[in-house]
Amino acid sequence: MASADYMTVQMRLTAHYGSRHWRPGRKGLEELVLTILSQSTTDRNSGRAYITLRQQYPSWQDVAEATTAEVEAAIRVAGLANDKAQRIITVLTHPDVQAHGFSIDFLSDLTQADALAWLTAFNGIGPKTAACVLLFAYGMPILPVDTHIQRVAQRLGLVKGSNPERAHTILNQLVPSDQMYAAHMHLIQLGRQICHARTPQCTMCPLGDVCPSAQRHIDAPAP
C-alpha cells in the first residue's frame, strides 16, 4: 500500500479531533525554558520542574545569577538536570537576552530562518525545541516534530527512516504553512491516544484505511 496523502490525513484528523487554531500563549522565554525542561521526559515532570524553578527563583535574573548546581537541584525531577541547568543559564546569560530585559521577543522581528538559527546556535537546542518556541510563542509556521509525530508520520509513509532532523525537514516541506499548528496538535494527539509505539489501536484510527502500517497490522494473521 502506498503512503497516505497528507491532505487526506489532515482532513480526516480535523473531522476526528476538530479544528485547531493558534492563539498566543506563554511568552517566548517561558516557552523556551519549559521546552528545554521537557526534553527526554514527561510533560508532568517538566511541568513540576518549571513550577519549582519559578517558585525558588521568581525572576529570570534570579535564575541567571544562580549557580548551575542550584538550578540543577530545582529542576532535578525533569531528569538530565545538569545538562538542562547549563542550557537554561547559557540562554539567560546571553547578551541578546539580557539586552532585551530577559526576553527573546526580539525573535518575532526576525525572519523565521534567522530566528531558528539564533535558537539552534545554543548547544542542546535542536530543531524540535526551537520550533516549539517559534510556533507556540510567536505563531510562526513551523512544525515541531517529536517522537509521537515522527512515529505517526513513519507509519503513514510520509517520512522514511528514523532520523529526527530528516523528518523535521520533510514534514515542514509537506505541510502547508497555514496548517502547521493544526498538524502538530492533531498528529501528536493521534500518537498519544491511538498510534501508540508498542500497541497501536489501528482499528480505532480515523486513518486506518489509508495507513500502510495499519493495513499490515490489521491483515496480519493472529499468533
Foldseek 3Di string as FASTA:
>chain_A
DAFFAVVVVLVLLCVVPNDDDADADDALLLLLLLLLLQPPADNVLSVQLSVQLCVVQVDLVSLLPDDLVVSLVSSVSSPPSSVSSVQSNVVQPDPVCVVVPNHPVVLLVDDPVVQQVVQCVGPPRDPQSSQSSCCHNPNWQAARADPQLQLVCVQSVQDDDDDRVRVRVSVSVNDDSNCRVVSNVSSNVCSVPAVDPPDHNLVPDSCNVNGPNNVCVVPDDDD
